[in-house]
Amino acid sequence: MGGDIPVVSGTLNQLKKERPHQNVVNFLDYLAGSFPSGLGLPPDFFLDEKPIGPNVRAVMGKAQHKFDQRKMLIARFVEWVWIRVIGSAIE
C-alpha cells in the first residue's frame, strides 16, 4: 500500500435517521418519572414545571421533610466516625 490511495467500489447509501426511536423516548419518560420516587421525593418536586399555590407548599413540605431525614442520618454517621477518629488519635 505504500503511497496507493484505497478506493471503495460500489455506491454509498445514507442511513435513515430515525433516532431517537419512539420506544426510547417513552422509556426515558418512564425513567424520569421513576427517579424522584426512588429518592423518596414527591414527583412534582422535579417534574412539575408550573406549580401553583397550595401544591407548591405541599410538595416543598414533603421534600423538606425527606431532606431533614437524610441530614439527620448523615449527622449521626459523622458523629459516629468523629468519636472513633478522636479516640484513635488520643490512643
N, C-alpha and C. Protein backbone atom coordinates (compact mmCIF):
# COMPACT_ATOMS: atom_id res chain seq x y z
N MET A 1 0.82 -1.21 0.00
CA MET A 1 0.00 0.00 0.00
C MET A 1 0.85 1.26 0.00
N GLY A 2 2.12 1.17 -0.04
CA GLY A 2 2.96 2.34 0.12
C GLY A 2 2.65 3.44 -0.87
N GLY A 3 1.86 4.41 -0.59
CA GLY A 3 1.55 5.53 -1.47
C GLY A 3 0.27 5.37 -2.25
N ASP A 4 -0.33 4.17 -2.29
CA ASP A 4 -1.58 3.97 -3.02
C ASP A 4 -2.74 4.54 -2.21
N ILE A 5 -3.74 5.02 -2.90
CA ILE A 5 -4.96 5.51 -2.25
C ILE A 5 -6.03 4.45 -2.41
N PRO A 6 -6.49 3.88 -1.27
CA PRO A 6 -7.53 2.85 -1.39
C PRO A 6 -8.85 3.45 -1.86
N VAL A 7 -9.56 2.73 -2.72
CA VAL A 7 -10.82 3.19 -3.27
C VAL A 7 -11.88 2.15 -2.97
N VAL A 8 -13.06 2.62 -2.53
CA VAL A 8 -14.18 1.72 -2.24
C VAL A 8 -15.02 1.60 -3.50
N SER A 9 -15.23 0.38 -3.94
CA SER A 9 -16.06 0.20 -5.13
C SER A 9 -17.53 0.10 -4.72
N GLY A 10 -18.41 0.51 -5.56
CA GLY A 10 -19.83 0.46 -5.27
C GLY A 10 -20.38 1.85 -4.96
N THR A 11 -21.59 1.88 -4.45
CA THR A 11 -22.22 3.17 -4.14
C THR A 11 -22.44 3.26 -2.63
N LEU A 12 -22.50 4.48 -2.15
CA LEU A 12 -22.76 4.73 -0.73
C LEU A 12 -24.21 5.16 -0.56
N ASN A 13 -24.87 4.57 0.43
CA ASN A 13 -26.26 4.93 0.73
C ASN A 13 -26.33 5.57 2.11
N GLN A 14 -27.11 6.64 2.21
CA GLN A 14 -27.26 7.31 3.50
C GLN A 14 -28.22 6.51 4.38
N LEU A 15 -27.85 6.34 5.64
CA LEU A 15 -28.71 5.62 6.57
C LEU A 15 -29.87 6.51 6.99
N LYS A 16 -30.99 5.89 7.34
CA LYS A 16 -32.15 6.63 7.79
C LYS A 16 -31.90 7.15 9.20
N LYS A 17 -32.32 8.36 9.44
CA LYS A 17 -32.17 8.95 10.77
C LYS A 17 -33.49 8.87 11.50
N GLU A 18 -33.72 7.77 12.17
CA GLU A 18 -34.94 7.59 12.96
C GLU A 18 -34.56 7.55 14.44
N ARG A 19 -33.74 8.46 14.86
CA ARG A 19 -33.28 8.48 16.24
C ARG A 19 -33.79 9.73 16.91
N PRO A 20 -34.16 9.73 18.14
CA PRO A 20 -34.41 8.54 18.93
C PRO A 20 -35.73 7.90 18.55
N HIS A 21 -35.77 6.61 18.66
CA HIS A 21 -36.98 5.86 18.36
C HIS A 21 -38.04 6.19 19.42
N GLN A 22 -39.30 6.06 19.08
CA GLN A 22 -40.39 6.40 20.00
C GLN A 22 -40.32 5.57 21.28
N ASN A 23 -39.89 4.32 21.19
CA ASN A 23 -39.77 3.50 22.38
C ASN A 23 -38.72 4.04 23.34
N VAL A 24 -37.65 4.59 22.79
CA VAL A 24 -36.61 5.17 23.63
C VAL A 24 -37.14 6.39 24.37
N VAL A 25 -37.90 7.21 23.69
CA VAL A 25 -38.48 8.40 24.31
C VAL A 25 -39.44 7.99 25.42
N ASN A 26 -40.27 7.00 25.18
CA ASN A 26 -41.19 6.52 26.22
C ASN A 26 -40.43 5.97 27.41
N PHE A 27 -39.35 5.24 27.16
CA PHE A 27 -38.55 4.68 28.25
C PHE A 27 -37.90 5.79 29.08
N LEU A 28 -37.40 6.82 28.42
CA LEU A 28 -36.79 7.93 29.15
C LEU A 28 -37.83 8.68 29.98
N ASP A 29 -39.04 8.83 29.46
CA ASP A 29 -40.12 9.44 30.24
C ASP A 29 -40.44 8.61 31.47
N TYR A 30 -40.44 7.29 31.31
CA TYR A 30 -40.69 6.40 32.44
C TYR A 30 -39.59 6.55 33.50
N LEU A 31 -38.33 6.58 33.05
CA LEU A 31 -37.22 6.74 33.98
C LEU A 31 -37.28 8.09 34.70
N ALA A 32 -37.65 9.13 33.97
CA ALA A 32 -37.74 10.45 34.59
C ALA A 32 -38.83 10.47 35.64
N GLY A 33 -39.90 9.73 35.45
CA GLY A 33 -40.96 9.65 36.45
C GLY A 33 -40.60 8.78 37.63
N SER A 34 -39.75 7.79 37.42
CA SER A 34 -39.37 6.87 38.49
C SER A 34 -38.23 7.40 39.35
N PHE A 35 -37.44 8.29 38.81
CA PHE A 35 -36.28 8.81 39.53
C PHE A 35 -36.64 9.47 40.85
N PRO A 36 -37.58 10.41 40.89
CA PRO A 36 -37.90 11.05 42.18
C PRO A 36 -38.46 10.09 43.21
N SER A 37 -39.28 9.14 42.78
CA SER A 37 -39.86 8.20 43.74
C SER A 37 -38.79 7.28 44.30
N GLY A 38 -37.74 7.00 43.55
CA GLY A 38 -36.63 6.22 44.06
C GLY A 38 -35.86 6.95 45.14
N LEU A 39 -35.87 8.28 45.07
CA LEU A 39 -35.22 9.08 46.10
C LEU A 39 -36.13 9.33 47.29
N GLY A 40 -37.40 8.98 47.16
CA GLY A 40 -38.35 9.22 48.23
C GLY A 40 -38.92 10.62 48.21
N LEU A 41 -38.76 11.32 47.11
CA LEU A 41 -39.27 12.68 46.97
C LEU A 41 -40.55 12.67 46.15
N PRO A 42 -41.42 13.66 46.36
CA PRO A 42 -42.62 13.72 45.53
C PRO A 42 -42.23 13.99 44.07
N PRO A 43 -42.88 13.33 43.13
CA PRO A 43 -42.52 13.51 41.71
C PRO A 43 -42.66 14.96 41.24
N ASP A 44 -43.59 15.71 41.81
CA ASP A 44 -43.77 17.09 41.39
C ASP A 44 -42.58 17.97 41.75
N PHE A 45 -41.74 17.52 42.67
CA PHE A 45 -40.57 18.30 43.06
C PHE A 45 -39.63 18.49 41.87
N PHE A 46 -39.54 17.47 41.00
CA PHE A 46 -38.68 17.55 39.82
C PHE A 46 -39.45 17.83 38.54
N LEU A 47 -40.66 17.31 38.44
CA LEU A 47 -41.33 17.27 37.14
C LEU A 47 -42.32 18.39 36.89
N ASP A 48 -42.92 18.95 37.92
CA ASP A 48 -43.96 19.96 37.72
C ASP A 48 -43.30 21.27 37.32
N GLU A 49 -43.65 21.77 36.14
CA GLU A 49 -43.00 22.96 35.62
C GLU A 49 -43.62 24.25 36.14
N LYS A 50 -44.91 24.25 36.36
CA LYS A 50 -45.59 25.47 36.81
C LYS A 50 -46.46 25.18 38.02
N PRO A 51 -45.85 24.93 39.18
CA PRO A 51 -46.67 24.67 40.36
C PRO A 51 -47.32 25.95 40.86
N ILE A 52 -48.49 25.82 41.46
CA ILE A 52 -49.20 27.00 41.95
C ILE A 52 -49.68 26.76 43.38
N GLY A 53 -49.74 27.82 44.16
CA GLY A 53 -50.33 27.89 45.48
C GLY A 53 -50.10 26.73 46.41
N PRO A 54 -51.19 26.10 46.86
CA PRO A 54 -51.08 25.04 47.86
C PRO A 54 -50.25 23.85 47.39
N ASN A 55 -50.26 23.59 46.11
CA ASN A 55 -49.47 22.49 45.59
C ASN A 55 -47.99 22.71 45.85
N VAL A 56 -47.53 23.95 45.69
CA VAL A 56 -46.13 24.26 45.93
C VAL A 56 -45.77 24.00 47.39
N ARG A 57 -46.61 24.48 48.29
CA ARG A 57 -46.33 24.31 49.72
C ARG A 57 -46.33 22.84 50.12
N ALA A 58 -47.25 22.06 49.59
CA ALA A 58 -47.31 20.64 49.93
C ALA A 58 -46.08 19.90 49.41
N VAL A 59 -45.71 20.15 48.18
CA VAL A 59 -44.55 19.48 47.57
C VAL A 59 -43.28 19.88 48.30
N MET A 60 -43.11 21.16 48.57
CA MET A 60 -41.91 21.63 49.26
C MET A 60 -41.84 21.09 50.69
N GLY A 61 -42.98 21.00 51.35
CA GLY A 61 -43.01 20.45 52.70
C GLY A 61 -42.59 18.99 52.73
N LYS A 62 -43.10 18.20 51.80
CA LYS A 62 -42.71 16.78 51.73
C LYS A 62 -41.23 16.63 51.40
N ALA A 63 -40.75 17.43 50.46
CA ALA A 63 -39.34 17.35 50.08
C ALA A 63 -38.45 17.79 51.25
N GLN A 64 -38.85 18.85 51.96
CA GLN A 64 -38.06 19.32 53.09
C GLN A 64 -37.99 18.27 54.20
N HIS A 65 -39.09 17.58 54.42
CA HIS A 65 -39.11 16.51 55.41
C HIS A 65 -38.12 15.40 55.04
N LYS A 66 -38.08 15.03 53.77
CA LYS A 66 -37.15 13.99 53.32
C LYS A 66 -35.71 14.46 53.45
N PHE A 67 -35.45 15.73 53.09
CA PHE A 67 -34.10 16.27 53.22
C PHE A 67 -33.66 16.33 54.68
N ASP A 68 -34.57 16.68 55.57
CA ASP A 68 -34.25 16.71 57.00
C ASP A 68 -33.91 15.32 57.52
N GLN A 69 -34.65 14.31 57.08
CA GLN A 69 -34.35 12.94 57.48
C GLN A 69 -32.95 12.52 57.03
N ARG A 70 -32.60 12.84 55.81
CA ARG A 70 -31.28 12.49 55.29
C ARG A 70 -30.18 13.25 56.01
N LYS A 71 -30.44 14.52 56.32
CA LYS A 71 -29.46 15.33 57.03
C LYS A 71 -29.19 14.73 58.42
N MET A 72 -30.25 14.29 59.11
CA MET A 72 -30.08 13.68 60.42
C MET A 72 -29.30 12.36 60.32
N LEU A 73 -29.57 11.57 59.29
CA LEU A 73 -28.86 10.31 59.09
C LEU A 73 -27.37 10.56 58.87
N ILE A 74 -27.04 11.52 58.04
CA ILE A 74 -25.63 11.84 57.77
C ILE A 74 -24.97 12.40 59.02
N ALA A 75 -25.68 13.23 59.80
CA ALA A 75 -25.12 13.79 61.02
C ALA A 75 -24.80 12.69 62.03
N ARG A 76 -25.68 11.70 62.15
CA ARG A 76 -25.41 10.59 63.07
C ARG A 76 -24.18 9.80 62.63
N PHE A 77 -24.06 9.57 61.34
CA PHE A 77 -22.89 8.84 60.83
C PHE A 77 -21.61 9.62 61.08
N VAL A 78 -21.64 10.93 60.81
CA VAL A 78 -20.45 11.76 61.02
C VAL A 78 -20.06 11.77 62.49
N GLU A 79 -21.04 11.85 63.40
CA GLU A 79 -20.75 11.82 64.82
C GLU A 79 -20.11 10.47 65.21
N TRP A 80 -20.63 9.39 64.68
CA TRP A 80 -20.09 8.04 64.95
C TRP A 80 -18.64 7.96 64.50
N VAL A 81 -18.35 8.47 63.30
CA VAL A 81 -16.99 8.44 62.77
C VAL A 81 -16.08 9.36 63.59
N TRP A 82 -16.57 10.55 63.94
CA TRP A 82 -15.77 11.53 64.66
C TRP A 82 -15.30 10.97 66.02
N ILE A 83 -16.18 10.31 66.74
CA ILE A 83 -15.82 9.74 68.03
C ILE A 83 -14.70 8.72 67.86
N ARG A 84 -14.76 7.91 66.84
CA ARG A 84 -13.73 6.91 66.62
C ARG A 84 -12.41 7.53 66.16
N VAL A 85 -12.46 8.59 65.36
CA VAL A 85 -11.24 9.24 64.92
C VAL A 85 -10.54 9.90 66.11
N ILE A 86 -11.31 10.61 66.91
CA ILE A 86 -10.72 11.26 68.09
C ILE A 86 -10.19 10.20 69.07
N GLY A 87 -10.95 9.12 69.27
CA GLY A 87 -10.50 8.05 70.15
C GLY A 87 -9.19 7.43 69.70
N SER A 88 -9.04 7.21 68.40
CA SER A 88 -7.79 6.62 67.90
C SER A 88 -6.64 7.63 68.00
N ALA A 89 -6.93 8.92 67.85
CA ALA A 89 -5.88 9.93 67.97
C ALA A 89 -5.41 10.05 69.42
N ILE A 90 -6.33 9.95 70.38
CA ILE A 90 -5.97 10.02 71.79
C ILE A 90 -5.16 8.79 72.17
N GLU A 91 -5.52 7.66 71.63
CA GLU A 91 -4.82 6.41 71.93
C GLU A 91 -3.38 6.53 71.49
